[in-house]
């Protein structure tokens, strides 16, 4: 089982960036032009600004973004862009420079593997916070509400769900609905499941 952060940094990132990779390869090695560098920088700006904005705009549920993933990814991204700028000052990327860029990406993926531990360490040791579990509680409630809504939808559609599962889903949905109304969070899909 792979963690969401690692999957996002590897498989999903590779899938999303595959078109620009092939455009850069064709531009550099076949067309012998600088379209590769411009494509990489332009695509990165498009991904950071437009894709995130469009996802938030068209989302049907509240998207929660905490400061940690934003600060983490912006730090890595800024450092990587500085490396790219320094390496590109002589208008060439040498083999050792490309190896360093790839090594930095591998370091990012390894960091993502231990992201939860690093976040906990940073927030408790560096910032001295003790009560940062609120976001993870909200995420748990949201995933439980989704599970309850899916189970209720399968019950309504006639799929077989055990009576024990039905009662646990209904109880869970009621609990999420009550805690959502106390905290100001709404769980409309969970309330429909009751």
N, C-alpha and C. Protein backbone atom coordinates (compact mmCIF):
# COMPACT_ATOMS: atom_id res chain seq x y z
N UNK A 1 0.85 -1.18 0.00
CA UNK A 1 0.00 0.00 0.00
C UNK A 1 0.89 1.24 0.00
N UNK A 2 0.65 2.13 -0.95
CA UNK A 2 1.45 3.34 -1.09
C UNK A 2 0.67 4.53 -0.53
N UNK A 3 1.36 5.42 0.15
CA UNK A 3 0.71 6.58 0.75
C UNK A 3 0.29 7.56 -0.34
N UNK A 4 -0.74 8.37 -0.05
CA UNK A 4 -1.24 9.33 -1.03
C UNK A 4 -0.18 10.35 -1.43
N UNK A 5 0.61 10.80 -0.45
CA UNK A 5 1.64 11.80 -0.76
C UNK A 5 2.69 11.24 -1.72
N UNK A 6 3.10 10.00 -1.49
CA UNK A 6 4.11 9.38 -2.35
C UNK A 6 3.52 9.13 -3.74
N UNK A 7 2.27 8.66 -3.79
CA UNK A 7 1.63 8.43 -5.08
C UNK A 7 1.49 9.74 -5.85
N UNK A 8 1.14 10.81 -5.17
CA UNK A 8 1.02 12.11 -5.83
C UNK A 8 2.35 12.62 -6.34
N UNK A 9 3.42 12.35 -5.61
CA UNK A 9 4.74 12.84 -6.01
C UNK A 9 5.38 11.98 -7.10
N UNK A 10 4.87 10.77 -7.31
CA UNK A 10 5.50 9.87 -8.28
C UNK A 10 4.55 9.57 -9.44
N UNK A 11 3.62 8.66 -9.24
CA UNK A 11 2.80 8.17 -10.33
C UNK A 11 1.90 9.25 -10.92
N UNK A 12 1.17 9.97 -10.07
CA UNK A 12 0.27 11.00 -10.59
C UNK A 12 1.03 12.16 -11.20
N UNK A 13 2.17 12.53 -10.60
CA UNK A 13 2.97 13.60 -11.17
C UNK A 13 3.56 13.19 -12.51
N UNK A 14 4.02 11.96 -12.61
CA UNK A 14 4.57 11.47 -13.87
C UNK A 14 3.49 11.41 -14.95
N UNK A 15 2.30 10.96 -14.58
CA UNK A 15 1.21 10.90 -15.55
C UNK A 15 0.80 12.28 -16.02
N UNK A 16 0.76 13.23 -15.12
CA UNK A 16 0.39 14.60 -15.49
C UNK A 16 1.45 15.32 -16.29
N UNK A 17 2.71 14.94 -16.08
CA UNK A 17 3.80 15.63 -16.76
C UNK A 17 4.34 14.89 -17.98
N UNK A 18 3.79 13.72 -18.28
CA UNK A 18 4.28 12.95 -19.42
C UNK A 18 4.18 13.72 -20.74
N UNK A 19 3.08 14.43 -21.02
CA UNK A 19 3.04 15.17 -22.30
C UNK A 19 4.14 16.21 -22.42
N UNK A 20 4.41 16.95 -21.34
CA UNK A 20 5.46 17.97 -21.43
C UNK A 20 6.84 17.33 -21.51
N UNK A 21 7.02 16.15 -20.92
CA UNK A 21 8.29 15.43 -21.04
C UNK A 21 8.55 15.06 -22.49
N UNK A 22 7.55 14.50 -23.16
CA UNK A 22 7.74 14.12 -24.55
C UNK A 22 7.88 15.33 -25.46
N UNK A 23 7.17 16.42 -25.15
CA UNK A 23 7.34 17.66 -25.92
C UNK A 23 8.76 18.19 -25.77
N UNK A 24 9.29 18.15 -24.55
CA UNK A 24 10.66 18.61 -24.32
C UNK A 24 11.67 17.71 -25.02
N UNK A 25 11.46 16.39 -24.98
CA UNK A 25 12.39 15.47 -25.64
C UNK A 25 12.39 15.71 -27.15
N UNK A 26 11.20 15.84 -27.74
CA UNK A 26 11.12 16.10 -29.18
C UNK A 26 11.73 17.45 -29.52
N UNK A 27 11.45 18.48 -28.70
CA UNK A 27 11.99 19.81 -28.96
C UNK A 27 13.50 19.86 -28.87
N UNK A 28 14.08 19.18 -27.89
CA UNK A 28 15.53 19.25 -27.69
C UNK A 28 16.28 18.32 -28.63
N UNK A 29 15.84 17.08 -28.77
CA UNK A 29 16.63 16.10 -29.51
C UNK A 29 16.26 15.97 -30.98
N UNK A 30 15.04 16.27 -31.36
CA UNK A 30 14.64 16.13 -32.76
C UNK A 30 14.61 17.49 -33.45
N UNK A 31 13.90 18.46 -32.87
CA UNK A 31 13.78 19.78 -33.49
C UNK A 31 14.98 20.67 -33.20
N UNK A 32 15.80 20.30 -32.22
CA UNK A 32 17.00 21.08 -31.85
C UNK A 32 16.66 22.54 -31.55
N UNK A 33 15.64 22.74 -30.72
CA UNK A 33 15.25 24.10 -30.35
C UNK A 33 15.14 24.22 -28.84
N UNK A 34 14.92 25.43 -28.38
CA UNK A 34 14.79 25.69 -26.95
C UNK A 34 13.36 25.55 -26.46
N UNK A 35 12.50 24.92 -27.25
CA UNK A 35 11.11 24.77 -26.84
C UNK A 35 11.00 23.93 -25.57
N UNK A 36 11.97 23.08 -25.33
CA UNK A 36 11.92 22.21 -24.15
C UNK A 36 11.93 22.99 -22.86
N UNK A 37 12.85 23.93 -22.70
CA UNK A 37 12.95 24.70 -21.46
C UNK A 37 11.72 25.56 -21.24
N UNK A 38 11.26 26.23 -22.29
CA UNK A 38 10.06 27.06 -22.18
C UNK A 38 8.83 26.24 -21.85
N UNK A 39 8.76 25.06 -22.42
CA UNK A 39 7.62 24.18 -22.15
C UNK A 39 7.60 23.75 -20.69
N UNK A 40 8.76 23.42 -20.16
CA UNK A 40 8.84 22.97 -18.77
C UNK A 40 8.42 24.08 -17.81
N UNK A 41 8.97 25.28 -18.00
CA UNK A 41 8.64 26.39 -17.10
C UNK A 41 7.18 26.80 -17.27
N UNK A 42 6.72 26.93 -18.51
CA UNK A 42 5.33 27.33 -18.76
C UNK A 42 4.34 26.32 -18.23
N UNK A 43 4.64 25.05 -18.40
CA UNK A 43 3.75 24.01 -17.91
C UNK A 43 3.71 23.99 -16.39
N UNK A 44 4.83 24.25 -15.76
CA UNK A 44 4.86 24.27 -14.29
C UNK A 44 3.99 25.40 -13.76
N UNK A 45 4.06 26.57 -14.38
CA UNK A 45 3.23 27.69 -13.95
C UNK A 45 1.75 27.37 -14.19
N UNK A 46 1.45 26.77 -15.33
CA UNK A 46 0.06 26.37 -15.62
C UNK A 46 -0.44 25.39 -14.58
N UNK A 47 0.37 24.39 -14.24
CA UNK A 47 -0.04 23.39 -13.26
C UNK A 47 -0.25 24.00 -11.88
N UNK A 48 0.64 24.89 -11.48
CA UNK A 48 0.55 25.48 -10.14
C UNK A 48 -0.65 26.43 -10.03
N UNK A 49 -0.88 27.23 -11.05
CA UNK A 49 -1.94 28.24 -10.94
C UNK A 49 -3.28 27.76 -11.48
N UNK A 50 -3.33 27.36 -12.74
CA UNK A 50 -4.61 27.06 -13.37
C UNK A 50 -5.22 25.76 -12.88
N UNK A 51 -4.45 24.70 -12.85
CA UNK A 51 -5.00 23.39 -12.49
C UNK A 51 -5.52 23.40 -11.06
N UNK A 52 -4.76 23.95 -10.14
CA UNK A 52 -5.20 24.00 -8.74
C UNK A 52 -6.44 24.89 -8.62
N UNK A 53 -6.42 26.03 -9.29
CA UNK A 53 -7.58 26.93 -9.25
C UNK A 53 -8.83 26.30 -9.85
N UNK A 54 -8.67 25.59 -10.97
CA UNK A 54 -9.83 24.94 -11.60
C UNK A 54 -10.37 23.82 -10.73
N UNK A 55 -9.49 23.06 -10.11
CA UNK A 55 -9.95 21.98 -9.22
C UNK A 55 -10.73 22.55 -8.05
N UNK A 56 -10.25 23.62 -7.46
CA UNK A 56 -10.95 24.23 -6.34
C UNK A 56 -12.28 24.83 -6.78
N UNK A 57 -12.29 25.43 -7.98
CA UNK A 57 -13.50 26.08 -8.48
C UNK A 57 -14.61 25.07 -8.77
N UNK A 58 -14.27 23.94 -9.35
CA UNK A 58 -15.27 22.96 -9.76
C UNK A 58 -15.53 21.86 -8.73
N UNK A 59 -14.88 21.91 -7.60
CA UNK A 59 -15.07 20.89 -6.58
C UNK A 59 -16.46 21.01 -5.97
N UNK A 60 -17.07 19.87 -5.71
CA UNK A 60 -18.40 19.87 -5.11
C UNK A 60 -18.35 19.87 -3.59
N UNK A 61 -17.18 19.71 -3.02
CA UNK A 61 -17.05 19.72 -1.57
C UNK A 61 -15.93 20.68 -1.19
N UNK A 62 -15.89 21.02 0.06
CA UNK A 62 -14.90 21.94 0.56
C UNK A 62 -13.51 21.33 0.46
N UNK A 63 -12.60 22.03 -0.18
CA UNK A 63 -11.21 21.57 -0.26
C UNK A 63 -10.43 22.24 0.87
N UNK A 64 -9.83 21.43 1.70
CA UNK A 64 -9.08 21.94 2.83
C UNK A 64 -7.60 21.90 2.48
N UNK A 65 -6.96 23.05 2.51
CA UNK A 65 -5.53 23.12 2.26
C UNK A 65 -4.87 23.74 3.48
N UNK A 66 -4.01 22.98 4.10
CA UNK A 66 -3.29 23.50 5.26
C UNK A 66 -1.98 24.10 4.79
N UNK A 67 -1.30 24.78 5.67
CA UNK A 67 -0.08 25.46 5.29
C UNK A 67 1.07 24.48 5.07
N UNK A 68 1.04 23.30 5.68
CA UNK A 68 2.18 22.39 5.60
C UNK A 68 2.47 21.91 4.18
N UNK A 69 1.51 21.33 3.43
CA UNK A 69 1.86 20.88 2.09
C UNK A 69 2.24 22.03 1.16
N UNK A 70 1.63 23.18 1.35
CA UNK A 70 1.97 24.33 0.52
C UNK A 70 3.40 24.79 0.80
N UNK A 71 3.77 24.91 2.07
CA UNK A 71 5.13 25.33 2.42
C UNK A 71 6.15 24.28 2.00
N UNK A 72 5.83 23.02 2.21
CA UNK A 72 6.74 21.93 1.84
C UNK A 72 7.02 21.92 0.34
N UNK A 73 5.95 21.94 -0.47
CA UNK A 73 6.14 21.86 -1.91
C UNK A 73 6.74 23.13 -2.48
N UNK A 74 6.36 24.29 -1.94
CA UNK A 74 6.95 25.54 -2.42
C UNK A 74 8.44 25.60 -2.10
N UNK A 75 8.84 25.07 -0.95
CA UNK A 75 10.26 25.04 -0.60
C UNK A 75 11.03 24.17 -1.57
N UNK A 76 10.55 22.97 -1.82
CA UNK A 76 11.22 22.10 -2.78
C UNK A 76 11.22 22.71 -4.18
N UNK A 77 10.09 23.27 -4.58
CA UNK A 77 9.96 23.85 -5.92
C UNK A 77 10.90 25.04 -6.09
N UNK A 78 10.98 25.91 -5.10
CA UNK A 78 11.87 27.06 -5.17
C UNK A 78 13.32 26.63 -5.26
N UNK A 79 13.70 25.67 -4.42
CA UNK A 79 15.08 25.18 -4.46
C UNK A 79 15.41 24.55 -5.80
N UNK A 80 14.45 23.80 -6.35
CA UNK A 80 14.67 23.16 -7.65
C UNK A 80 14.80 24.20 -8.76
N UNK A 81 13.98 25.27 -8.72
CA UNK A 81 14.09 26.33 -9.73
C UNK A 81 15.40 27.09 -9.61
N UNK A 82 15.88 27.30 -8.40
CA UNK A 82 17.18 27.96 -8.21
C UNK A 82 18.29 27.08 -8.80
N UNK A 83 18.21 25.77 -8.53
CA UNK A 83 19.20 24.86 -9.12
C UNK A 83 19.15 24.92 -10.65
N UNK A 84 17.95 24.90 -11.20
CA UNK A 84 17.80 24.96 -12.66
C UNK A 84 18.35 26.26 -13.22
N UNK A 85 18.09 27.37 -12.55
CA UNK A 85 18.60 28.66 -13.00
C UNK A 85 20.13 28.69 -12.99
N UNK A 86 20.72 28.21 -11.91
CA UNK A 86 22.18 28.20 -11.79
C UNK A 86 22.79 27.29 -12.85
N UNK A 87 22.19 26.13 -13.05
CA UNK A 87 22.74 25.20 -14.04
C UNK A 87 22.58 25.72 -15.46
N UNK A 88 21.57 26.55 -15.70
CA UNK A 88 21.30 27.02 -17.05
C UNK A 88 22.00 28.34 -17.37
N UNK A 89 22.81 28.87 -16.46
CA UNK A 89 23.50 30.14 -16.71
C UNK A 89 24.43 30.08 -17.91
N UNK A 90 25.05 28.94 -18.15
CA UNK A 90 25.95 28.80 -19.30
C UNK A 90 25.23 28.27 -20.54
N UNK A 91 23.90 28.29 -20.53
CA UNK A 91 23.06 27.85 -21.65
C UNK A 91 23.18 26.36 -21.95
N UNK A 92 23.71 25.58 -21.00
CA UNK A 92 23.84 24.14 -21.19
C UNK A 92 23.52 23.44 -19.87
N UNK A 93 23.00 22.25 -19.99
CA UNK A 93 22.83 21.40 -18.81
C UNK A 93 23.78 20.22 -19.00
N UNK A 94 24.78 20.16 -18.13
CA UNK A 94 25.76 19.07 -18.21
C UNK A 94 25.17 17.80 -17.61
N UNK A 95 25.85 16.69 -17.86
CA UNK A 95 25.37 15.41 -17.36
C UNK A 95 25.31 15.39 -15.84
N UNK A 96 26.34 15.92 -15.18
CA UNK A 96 26.32 15.91 -13.71
C UNK A 96 25.21 16.82 -13.17
N UNK A 97 24.88 17.90 -13.89
CA UNK A 97 23.80 18.78 -13.46
C UNK A 97 22.44 18.09 -13.58
N UNK A 98 22.24 17.36 -14.67
CA UNK A 98 20.98 16.63 -14.81
C UNK A 98 20.88 15.52 -13.77
N UNK A 99 22.02 14.90 -13.44
CA UNK A 99 22.01 13.87 -12.38
C UNK A 99 21.66 14.48 -11.03
N UNK A 100 22.16 15.71 -10.78
CA UNK A 100 21.82 16.39 -9.52
C UNK A 100 20.33 16.73 -9.47
N UNK A 101 19.76 17.17 -10.59
CA UNK A 101 18.33 17.47 -10.63
C UNK A 101 17.51 16.21 -10.38
N UNK A 102 17.90 15.10 -10.99
CA UNK A 102 17.20 13.84 -10.76
C UNK A 102 17.37 13.35 -9.33
N UNK A 103 18.56 13.53 -8.78
CA UNK A 103 18.81 13.12 -7.39
C UNK A 103 17.95 13.96 -6.42
N UNK A 104 17.79 15.23 -6.74
CA UNK A 104 16.95 16.08 -5.89
C UNK A 104 15.50 15.63 -5.95
N UNK A 105 15.04 15.17 -7.12
CA UNK A 105 13.68 14.64 -7.23
C UNK A 105 13.53 13.36 -6.40
N UNK A 106 14.52 12.49 -6.45
CA UNK A 106 14.49 11.27 -5.65
C UNK A 106 14.46 11.62 -4.16
N UNK A 107 15.22 12.65 -3.78
CA UNK A 107 15.20 13.11 -2.40
C UNK A 107 13.81 13.61 -2.01
N UNK A 108 13.14 14.29 -2.91
CA UNK A 108 11.78 14.77 -2.67
C UNK A 108 10.83 13.59 -2.46
N UNK A 109 10.93 12.57 -3.30
CA UNK A 109 10.07 11.39 -3.16
C UNK A 109 10.34 10.70 -1.82
N UNK A 110 11.59 10.58 -1.44
CA UNK A 110 11.92 9.98 -0.14
C UNK A 110 11.38 10.82 1.01
N UNK A 111 11.46 12.14 0.86
CA UNK A 111 10.89 13.03 1.87
C UNK A 111 9.39 12.78 2.00
N UNK A 112 8.72 12.61 0.85
CA UNK A 112 7.29 12.39 0.87
C UNK A 112 6.94 11.07 1.56
N UNK A 113 7.83 10.10 1.49
CA UNK A 113 7.60 8.83 2.17
C UNK A 113 7.48 9.03 3.68
N UNK A 114 8.27 9.97 4.21
CA UNK A 114 8.28 10.24 5.65
C UNK A 114 7.61 11.57 5.98
N UNK A 115 6.75 12.05 5.09
CA UNK A 115 6.12 13.35 5.24
C UNK A 115 5.35 13.49 6.55
N UNK A 116 4.55 12.49 6.90
CA UNK A 116 3.73 12.59 8.13
C UNK A 116 4.62 12.70 9.36
N UNK A 117 5.68 11.93 9.39
CA UNK A 117 6.59 11.99 10.54
C UNK A 117 7.31 13.33 10.61
N UNK A 118 7.75 13.82 9.45
CA UNK A 118 8.45 15.12 9.43
C UNK A 118 7.51 16.24 9.84
N UNK A 119 6.26 16.17 9.36
CA UNK A 119 5.28 17.19 9.73
C UNK A 119 5.03 17.19 11.24
N UNK A 120 4.85 16.01 11.81
CA UNK A 120 4.63 15.91 13.25
C UNK A 120 5.84 16.44 14.02
N UNK A 121 7.04 16.04 13.60
CA UNK A 121 8.26 16.51 14.26
C UNK A 121 8.36 18.03 14.17
N UNK A 122 8.14 18.58 12.97
CA UNK A 122 8.29 20.02 12.77
C UNK A 122 7.29 20.80 13.62
N UNK A 123 6.04 20.34 13.63
CA UNK A 123 5.01 21.09 14.36
C UNK A 123 5.18 20.97 15.87
N UNK A 124 5.66 19.82 16.36
CA UNK A 124 5.82 19.68 17.81
C UNK A 124 7.15 20.23 18.30
N UNK A 125 8.23 19.93 17.59
CA UNK A 125 9.56 20.35 18.07
C UNK A 125 9.91 21.78 17.70
N UNK A 126 9.69 22.16 16.46
CA UNK A 126 10.10 23.49 16.00
C UNK A 126 9.06 24.54 16.39
N UNK A 127 7.79 24.26 16.10
CA UNK A 127 6.75 25.24 16.39
C UNK A 127 6.18 25.12 17.80
N UNK A 128 6.41 23.98 18.45
CA UNK A 128 5.93 23.77 19.80
C UNK A 128 4.42 23.60 19.89
N UNK A 129 3.77 23.20 18.83
CA UNK A 129 2.32 23.02 18.84
C UNK A 129 1.98 21.64 19.37
N UNK A 130 0.87 21.59 20.07
CA UNK A 130 0.39 20.32 20.60
C UNK A 130 -0.98 19.95 20.04
N UNK A 131 -1.70 20.92 19.46
CA UNK A 131 -3.09 20.68 19.05
C UNK A 131 -3.30 20.80 17.55
N UNK A 132 -2.39 20.24 16.76
CA UNK A 132 -2.51 20.37 15.31
C UNK A 132 -3.27 19.20 14.69
N UNK A 133 -3.90 18.36 15.49
CA UNK A 133 -4.60 17.18 14.99
C UNK A 133 -5.97 17.52 14.40
N UNK A 134 -6.38 18.79 14.44
CA UNK A 134 -7.72 19.16 13.99
C UNK A 134 -7.94 18.83 12.52
N UNK A 135 -6.96 19.07 11.68
CA UNK A 135 -7.12 18.81 10.27
C UNK A 135 -7.26 17.32 10.01
N UNK A 136 -6.45 16.51 10.68
CA UNK A 136 -6.56 15.08 10.45
C UNK A 136 -7.90 14.54 10.96
N UNK A 137 -8.44 15.13 12.05
CA UNK A 137 -9.77 14.72 12.50
C UNK A 137 -10.81 15.08 11.46
N UNK A 138 -10.70 16.26 10.86
CA UNK A 138 -11.64 16.67 9.82
C UNK A 138 -11.54 15.73 8.62
N UNK A 139 -10.32 15.38 8.23
CA UNK A 139 -10.14 14.47 7.10
C UNK A 139 -10.74 13.09 7.42
N UNK A 140 -10.57 12.63 8.65
CA UNK A 140 -11.18 11.35 9.03
C UNK A 140 -12.69 11.43 8.95
N UNK A 141 -13.27 12.52 9.46
CA UNK A 141 -14.71 12.68 9.41
C UNK A 141 -15.20 12.73 7.97
N UNK A 142 -14.46 13.44 7.12
CA UNK A 142 -14.87 13.54 5.73
C UNK A 142 -14.81 12.19 5.03
N UNK A 143 -13.76 11.42 5.28
CA UNK A 143 -13.67 10.11 4.64
C UNK A 143 -14.72 9.16 5.19
N UNK A 144 -15.04 9.26 6.48
CA UNK A 144 -16.10 8.43 7.05
C UNK A 144 -17.46 8.82 6.47
N UNK A 145 -17.66 10.12 6.25
CA UNK A 145 -18.92 10.57 5.65
C UNK A 145 -19.04 10.07 4.22
N UNK A 146 -17.95 10.09 3.47
CA UNK A 146 -17.97 9.56 2.11
C UNK A 146 -18.28 8.07 2.11
N UNK A 147 -17.65 7.34 3.03
CA UNK A 147 -17.90 5.90 3.12
C UNK A 147 -19.36 5.63 3.47
N UNK A 148 -19.90 6.41 4.39
CA UNK A 148 -21.30 6.23 4.77
C UNK A 148 -22.22 6.55 3.60
N UNK A 149 -21.93 7.59 2.85
CA UNK A 149 -22.75 7.96 1.70
C UNK A 149 -22.69 6.89 0.62
N UNK A 150 -21.51 6.34 0.37
CA UNK A 150 -21.37 5.28 -0.62
C UNK A 150 -22.14 4.04 -0.21
N UNK A 151 -22.04 3.69 1.06
CA UNK A 151 -22.77 2.52 1.54
C UNK A 151 -24.27 2.74 1.45
N UNK A 152 -24.72 3.94 1.79
CA UNK A 152 -26.15 4.24 1.71
C UNK A 152 -26.62 4.22 0.26
N UNK A 153 -25.79 4.72 -0.64
CA UNK A 153 -26.16 4.69 -2.06
C UNK A 153 -26.23 3.26 -2.57
N UNK A 154 -25.33 2.41 -2.11
CA UNK A 154 -25.40 1.01 -2.56
C UNK A 154 -26.62 0.32 -1.98
N UNK A 155 -27.04 0.70 -0.78
CA UNK A 155 -28.25 0.13 -0.19
C UNK A 155 -29.47 0.57 -1.00
N UNK A 156 -29.51 1.87 -1.36
CA UNK A 156 -30.64 2.39 -2.15
C UNK A 156 -30.68 1.76 -3.54
N UNK A 157 -29.52 1.45 -4.12
CA UNK A 157 -29.50 0.89 -5.47
C UNK A 157 -29.78 -0.60 -5.47
N UNK A 158 -29.90 -1.21 -4.30
CA UNK A 158 -30.26 -2.61 -4.22
C UNK A 158 -29.08 -3.56 -4.10
N UNK A 159 -27.87 -3.03 -4.01
CA UNK A 159 -26.71 -3.90 -3.80
C UNK A 159 -26.81 -4.51 -2.41
N UNK A 160 -26.29 -5.68 -2.25
CA UNK A 160 -26.40 -6.38 -0.97
C UNK A 160 -25.35 -5.84 -0.01
N UNK A 161 -25.82 -5.38 1.12
CA UNK A 161 -24.96 -4.94 2.21
C UNK A 161 -25.47 -5.64 3.46
N UNK A 162 -24.58 -6.15 4.26
CA UNK A 162 -25.01 -6.89 5.44
C UNK A 162 -25.76 -5.96 6.41
N UNK A 163 -26.72 -6.51 7.15
CA UNK A 163 -27.46 -5.68 8.12
C UNK A 163 -26.55 -5.04 9.15
N UNK A 164 -25.49 -5.74 9.55
CA UNK A 164 -24.55 -5.17 10.51
C UNK A 164 -23.87 -3.95 9.89
N UNK A 165 -23.50 -4.05 8.63
CA UNK A 165 -22.84 -2.94 7.93
C UNK A 165 -23.80 -1.76 7.79
N UNK A 166 -25.09 -2.07 7.47
CA UNK A 166 -26.08 -1.01 7.33
C UNK A 166 -26.24 -0.24 8.63
N UNK A 167 -26.36 -0.94 9.75
CA UNK A 167 -26.56 -0.25 11.02
C UNK A 167 -25.32 0.54 11.41
N UNK A 168 -24.12 0.01 11.14
CA UNK A 168 -22.91 0.75 11.49
C UNK A 168 -22.77 1.99 10.61
N UNK A 169 -23.17 1.88 9.34
CA UNK A 169 -23.12 3.04 8.44
C UNK A 169 -24.10 4.11 8.91
N UNK A 170 -25.31 3.70 9.28
CA UNK A 170 -26.30 4.68 9.73
C UNK A 170 -25.86 5.35 11.03
N UNK A 171 -25.32 4.56 11.95
CA UNK A 171 -24.83 5.14 13.20
C UNK A 171 -23.67 6.09 12.97
N UNK A 172 -22.78 5.71 12.07
CA UNK A 172 -21.64 6.55 11.74
C UNK A 172 -22.11 7.85 11.09
N UNK A 173 -23.07 7.74 10.19
CA UNK A 173 -23.58 8.94 9.53
C UNK A 173 -24.22 9.90 10.53
N UNK A 174 -24.99 9.34 11.49
CA UNK A 174 -25.61 10.19 12.52
C UNK A 174 -24.55 10.87 13.37
N UNK A 175 -23.52 10.11 13.74
CA UNK A 175 -22.45 10.67 14.56
C UNK A 175 -21.72 11.78 13.82
N UNK A 176 -21.43 11.58 12.55
CA UNK A 176 -20.74 12.60 11.75
C UNK A 176 -21.62 13.82 11.60
N UNK A 177 -22.93 13.60 11.36
CA UNK A 177 -23.84 14.73 11.21
C UNK A 177 -23.91 15.55 12.49
N UNK A 178 -23.98 14.86 13.65
CA UNK A 178 -24.02 15.58 14.93
C UNK A 178 -22.72 16.34 15.16
N UNK A 179 -21.58 15.70 14.93
CA UNK A 179 -20.31 16.39 15.18
C UNK A 179 -20.11 17.51 14.18
N UNK A 180 -20.62 17.35 12.95
CA UNK A 180 -20.52 18.41 11.96
C UNK A 180 -21.32 19.62 12.34
N UNK A 181 -22.52 19.41 12.92
CA UNK A 181 -23.34 20.55 13.32
C UNK A 181 -22.75 21.24 14.54
N UNK A 182 -22.03 20.49 15.40
CA UNK A 182 -21.38 21.11 16.56
C UNK A 182 -20.20 21.97 16.13
N UNK A 183 -19.44 21.47 15.15
CA UNK A 183 -18.22 22.18 14.76
C UNK A 183 -18.44 23.17 13.64
N UNK A 184 -19.64 23.20 13.08
CA UNK A 184 -19.91 24.11 11.98
C UNK A 184 -19.60 23.49 10.64
N UNK A 185 -19.18 22.23 10.63
CA UNK A 185 -18.90 21.53 9.39
C UNK A 185 -20.18 20.86 8.95
N UNK A 186 -20.44 20.89 7.67
CA UNK A 186 -21.64 20.22 7.20
C UNK A 186 -21.27 18.92 6.54
N UNK A 187 -22.13 17.97 6.69
CA UNK A 187 -21.93 16.67 6.06
C UNK A 187 -23.23 16.27 5.37
N UNK A 188 -23.54 16.93 4.24
CA UNK A 188 -24.84 16.68 3.61
C UNK A 188 -24.98 15.26 3.11
N UNK A 189 -23.90 14.66 2.61
CA UNK A 189 -24.02 13.30 2.11
C UNK A 189 -24.25 12.33 3.25
N UNK A 190 -23.68 12.62 4.42
CA UNK A 190 -23.88 11.73 5.58
C UNK A 190 -25.30 11.86 6.09
N UNK A 191 -25.87 13.07 6.06
CA UNK A 191 -27.21 13.24 6.59
C UNK A 191 -28.23 12.57 5.70
N UNK A 192 -27.96 12.48 4.39
CA UNK A 192 -28.86 11.79 3.49
C UNK A 192 -28.84 10.29 3.73
N UNK A 193 -27.73 9.78 4.28
CA UNK A 193 -27.60 8.34 4.49
C UNK A 193 -28.44 7.87 5.67
N UNK A 194 -28.89 8.79 6.54
CA UNK A 194 -29.65 8.38 7.72
C UNK A 194 -31.11 8.20 7.42
